[in-house]
Amino acid sequence: MTNPTRLTVTLAELRELHALPDEALLNVHEAAAFLRLSPNALNWYRSQRRGPTYQRVGPKVIRYRVGDLRAYMVEVQPLSRSYESRKARVDRANVEG
């Protein structure tokens, strides 16, 4: 049995999605590709009232603004340890100096 939903996105397709303006609207499959999630994961987040902000365009039509997806990516992406430790060293230097 094969999955009818294609989960892999080419680099060119991903670049096209990320090049869109913040006001552009994406469907569930495009938004999932943008976030590198499966459409089912994105649907689950929405059903749990988590995940990125979405807009209901019709009774069964969901769209995601690219700007909201970008904001969500920044919100959920943890900072790397090297960044955090560097920031802590800079903060200590500012306090001591």
C-alpha atoms as a PDB file:
ATOM      1  CA  MET A   1       0.000   0.000   0.000  1.00  0.00           C
ATOM      2  CA  THR A   2       1.416   3.377  -0.964  1.00  0.00           C
ATOM      3  CA  ASN A   3       0.695   6.730   0.553  1.00  0.00           C
ATOM      4  CA  PRO A   4      -1.099   8.952  -2.001  1.00  0.00           C
ATOM      5  CA  THR A   5       0.254  12.086  -0.316  1.00  0.00           C
ATOM      6  CA  ARG A   6       3.767  12.895  -1.427  1.00  0.00           C
ATOM      7  CA  LEU A   7       5.772  13.971   1.606  1.00  0.00           C
ATOM      8  CA  THR A   8       9.052  14.746  -0.089  1.00  0.00           C
ATOM      9  CA  VAL A   9       9.631  18.147  -1.584  1.00  0.00           C
ATOM     10  CA  THR A  10      12.411  19.028  -3.957  1.00  0.00           C
ATOM     11  CA  LEU A  11      14.791  21.812  -3.075  1.00  0.00           C
ATOM     12  CA  ALA A  12      13.450  23.886  -5.973  1.00  0.00           C
ATOM     13  CA  GLU A  13       9.858  23.508  -4.715  1.00  0.00           C
ATOM     14  CA  LEU A  14      10.926  24.460  -1.207  1.00  0.00           C
ATOM     15  CA  ARG A  15      12.718  27.550  -2.518  1.00  0.00           C
ATOM     16  CA  GLU A  16       9.562  28.579  -4.410  1.00  0.00           C
ATOM     17  CA  LEU A  17       7.476  28.263  -1.250  1.00  0.00           C
ATOM     18  CA  HIS A  18       9.937  30.261   0.846  1.00  0.00           C
ATOM     19  CA  ALA A  19      10.181  32.968  -1.842  1.00  0.00           C
ATOM     20  CA  LEU A  20       6.461  33.761  -1.607  1.00  0.00           C
ATOM     21  CA  PRO A  21       5.394  37.038   0.037  1.00  0.00           C
ATOM     22  CA  ASP A  22       4.015  36.993   3.591  1.00  0.00           C
ATOM     23  CA  GLU A  23       0.463  37.612   2.355  1.00  0.00           C
ATOM     24  CA  ALA A  24       0.383  34.511   0.114  1.00  0.00           C
ATOM     25  CA  LEU A  25      -2.037  31.773   1.148  1.00  0.00           C
ATOM     26  CA  LEU A  26      -1.038  28.105   1.095  1.00  0.00           C
ATOM     27  CA  ASN A  27      -3.199  25.012   1.306  1.00  0.00           C
ATOM     28  CA  VAL A  28      -2.567  22.330   3.924  1.00  0.00           C
ATOM     29  CA  HIS A  29      -0.207  20.312   1.725  1.00  0.00           C
ATOM     30  CA  GLU A  30       1.863  23.360   0.750  1.00  0.00           C
ATOM     31  CA  ALA A  31       1.976  24.636   4.344  1.00  0.00           C
ATOM     32  CA  ALA A  32       3.066  21.218   5.572  1.00  0.00           C
ATOM     33  CA  ALA A  33       5.850  21.161   2.975  1.00  0.00           C
ATOM     34  CA  PHE A  34       6.877  24.687   4.018  1.00  0.00           C
ATOM     35  CA  LEU A  35       7.190  23.522   7.648  1.00  0.00           C
ATOM     36  CA  ARG A  36       8.660  20.132   6.664  1.00  0.00           C
ATOM     37  CA  LEU A  37       5.760  18.311   8.344  1.00  0.00           C
ATOM     38  CA  SER A  38       3.245  15.820   7.040  1.00  0.00           C
ATOM     39  CA  PRO A  39      -0.214  17.185   6.189  1.00  0.00           C
ATOM     40  CA  ASN A  40      -1.643  14.841   8.839  1.00  0.00           C
ATOM     41  CA  ALA A  41       0.619  16.364  11.496  1.00  0.00           C
ATOM     42  CA  LEU A  42      -0.512  19.853  10.522  1.00  0.00           C
ATOM     43  CA  ASN A  43      -4.178  18.721  10.651  1.00  0.00           C
ATOM     44  CA  TRP A  44      -3.592  17.228  14.101  1.00  0.00           C
ATOM     45  CA  TYR A  45      -2.005  20.459  15.388  1.00  0.00           C
ATOM     46  CA  ARG A  46      -4.998  22.400  14.100  1.00  0.00           C
ATOM     47  CA  SER A  47      -7.470  19.987  15.748  1.00  0.00           C
ATOM     48  CA  GLN A  48      -5.620  20.425  19.058  1.00  0.00           C
ATOM     49  CA  ARG A  49      -5.655  24.244  18.662  1.00  0.00           C
ATOM     50  CA  ARG A  50      -1.882  24.274  18.375  1.00  0.00           C
ATOM     51  CA  GLY A  51       0.422  25.035  15.505  1.00  0.00           C
ATOM     52  CA  PRO A  52       0.439  27.985  13.141  1.00  0.00           C
ATOM     53  CA  THR A  53      -2.447  30.396  12.709  1.00  0.00           C
ATOM     54  CA  TYR A  54      -4.794  29.436   9.888  1.00  0.00           C
ATOM     55  CA  GLN A  55      -7.732  30.939   8.049  1.00  0.00           C
ATOM     56  CA  ARG A  56     -10.939  29.149   7.198  1.00  0.00           C
ATOM     57  CA  VAL A  57     -11.900  30.269   3.691  1.00  0.00           C
ATOM     58  CA  GLY A  58     -14.944  28.015   3.316  1.00  0.00           C
ATOM     59  CA  PRO A  59     -16.691  25.291   5.263  1.00  0.00           C
ATOM     60  CA  LYS A  60     -13.890  22.821   4.524  1.00  0.00           C
ATOM     61  CA  VAL A  61     -11.175  25.048   3.059  1.00  0.00           C
ATOM     62  CA  ILE A  62      -8.180  25.890   5.259  1.00  0.00           C
ATOM     63  CA  ARG A  63      -5.403  28.269   4.227  1.00  0.00           C
ATOM     64  CA  TYR A  64      -2.194  29.368   5.936  1.00  0.00           C
ATOM     65  CA  ARG A  65      -0.527  32.750   5.410  1.00  0.00           C
ATOM     66  CA  VAL A  66       3.180  32.448   4.628  1.00  0.00           C
ATOM     67  CA  GLY A  67       3.927  35.177   7.182  1.00  0.00           C
ATOM     68  CA  ASP A  68       2.163  33.167   9.891  1.00  0.00           C
ATOM     69  CA  LEU A  69       4.146  30.056   8.950  1.00  0.00           C
ATOM     70  CA  ARG A  70       7.408  32.010   9.157  1.00  0.00           C
ATOM     71  CA  ALA A  71       6.452  33.386  12.578  1.00  0.00           C
ATOM     72  CA  TYR A  72       5.553  29.888  13.766  1.00  0.00           C
ATOM     73  CA  MET A  73       8.913  28.523  12.597  1.00  0.00           C
ATOM     74  CA  VAL A  74      10.753  31.183  14.603  1.00  0.00           C
ATOM     75  CA  GLU A  75       8.540  30.582  17.627  1.00  0.00           C
ATOM     76  CA  VAL A  76       9.050  26.818  17.840  1.00  0.00           C
ATOM     77  CA  GLN A  77      12.651  26.529  16.693  1.00  0.00           C
ATOM     78  CA  PRO A  78      14.870  26.282  19.760  1.00  0.00           C
ATOM     79  CA  LEU A  79      18.091  28.222  19.852  1.00  0.00           C
ATOM     80  CA  SER A  80      21.244  26.211  19.454  1.00  0.00           C
ATOM     81  CA  ARG A  81      23.350  25.575  22.532  1.00  0.00           C
ATOM     82  CA  SER A  82      26.307  27.385  21.038  1.00  0.00           C
ATOM     83  CA  TYR A  83      24.182  30.518  20.582  1.00  0.00           C
ATOM     84  CA  GLU A  84      22.820  30.295  24.124  1.00  0.00           C
ATOM     85  CA  SER A  85      26.253  29.779  25.678  1.00  0.00           C
ATOM     86  CA  ARG A  86      27.721  32.643  23.620  1.00  0.00           C
ATOM     87  CA  LYS A  87      24.858  34.922  24.688  1.00  0.00           C
ATOM     88  CA  ALA A  88      25.407  33.948  28.346  1.00  0.00           C
ATOM     89  CA  ARG A  89      29.127  34.778  28.066  1.00  0.00           C
ATOM     90  CA  VAL A  90      28.350  38.148  26.478  1.00  0.00           C
ATOM     91  CA  ASP A  91      25.748  38.906  29.155  1.00  0.00           C
ATOM     92  CA  ARG A  92      28.216  38.025  31.942  1.00  0.00           C
ATOM     93  CA  ALA A  93      30.880  40.189  30.324  1.00  0.00           C
ATOM     94  CA  ASN A  94      28.447  43.110  30.156  1.00  0.00           C
ATOM     95  CA  VAL A  95      27.518  42.716  33.827  1.00  0.00           C
ATOM     96  CA  GLU A  96      31.126  42.370  34.995  1.00  0.00           C
ATOM     97  CA  GLY A  97      32.528  45.071  32.732  1.00  0.00           C
END
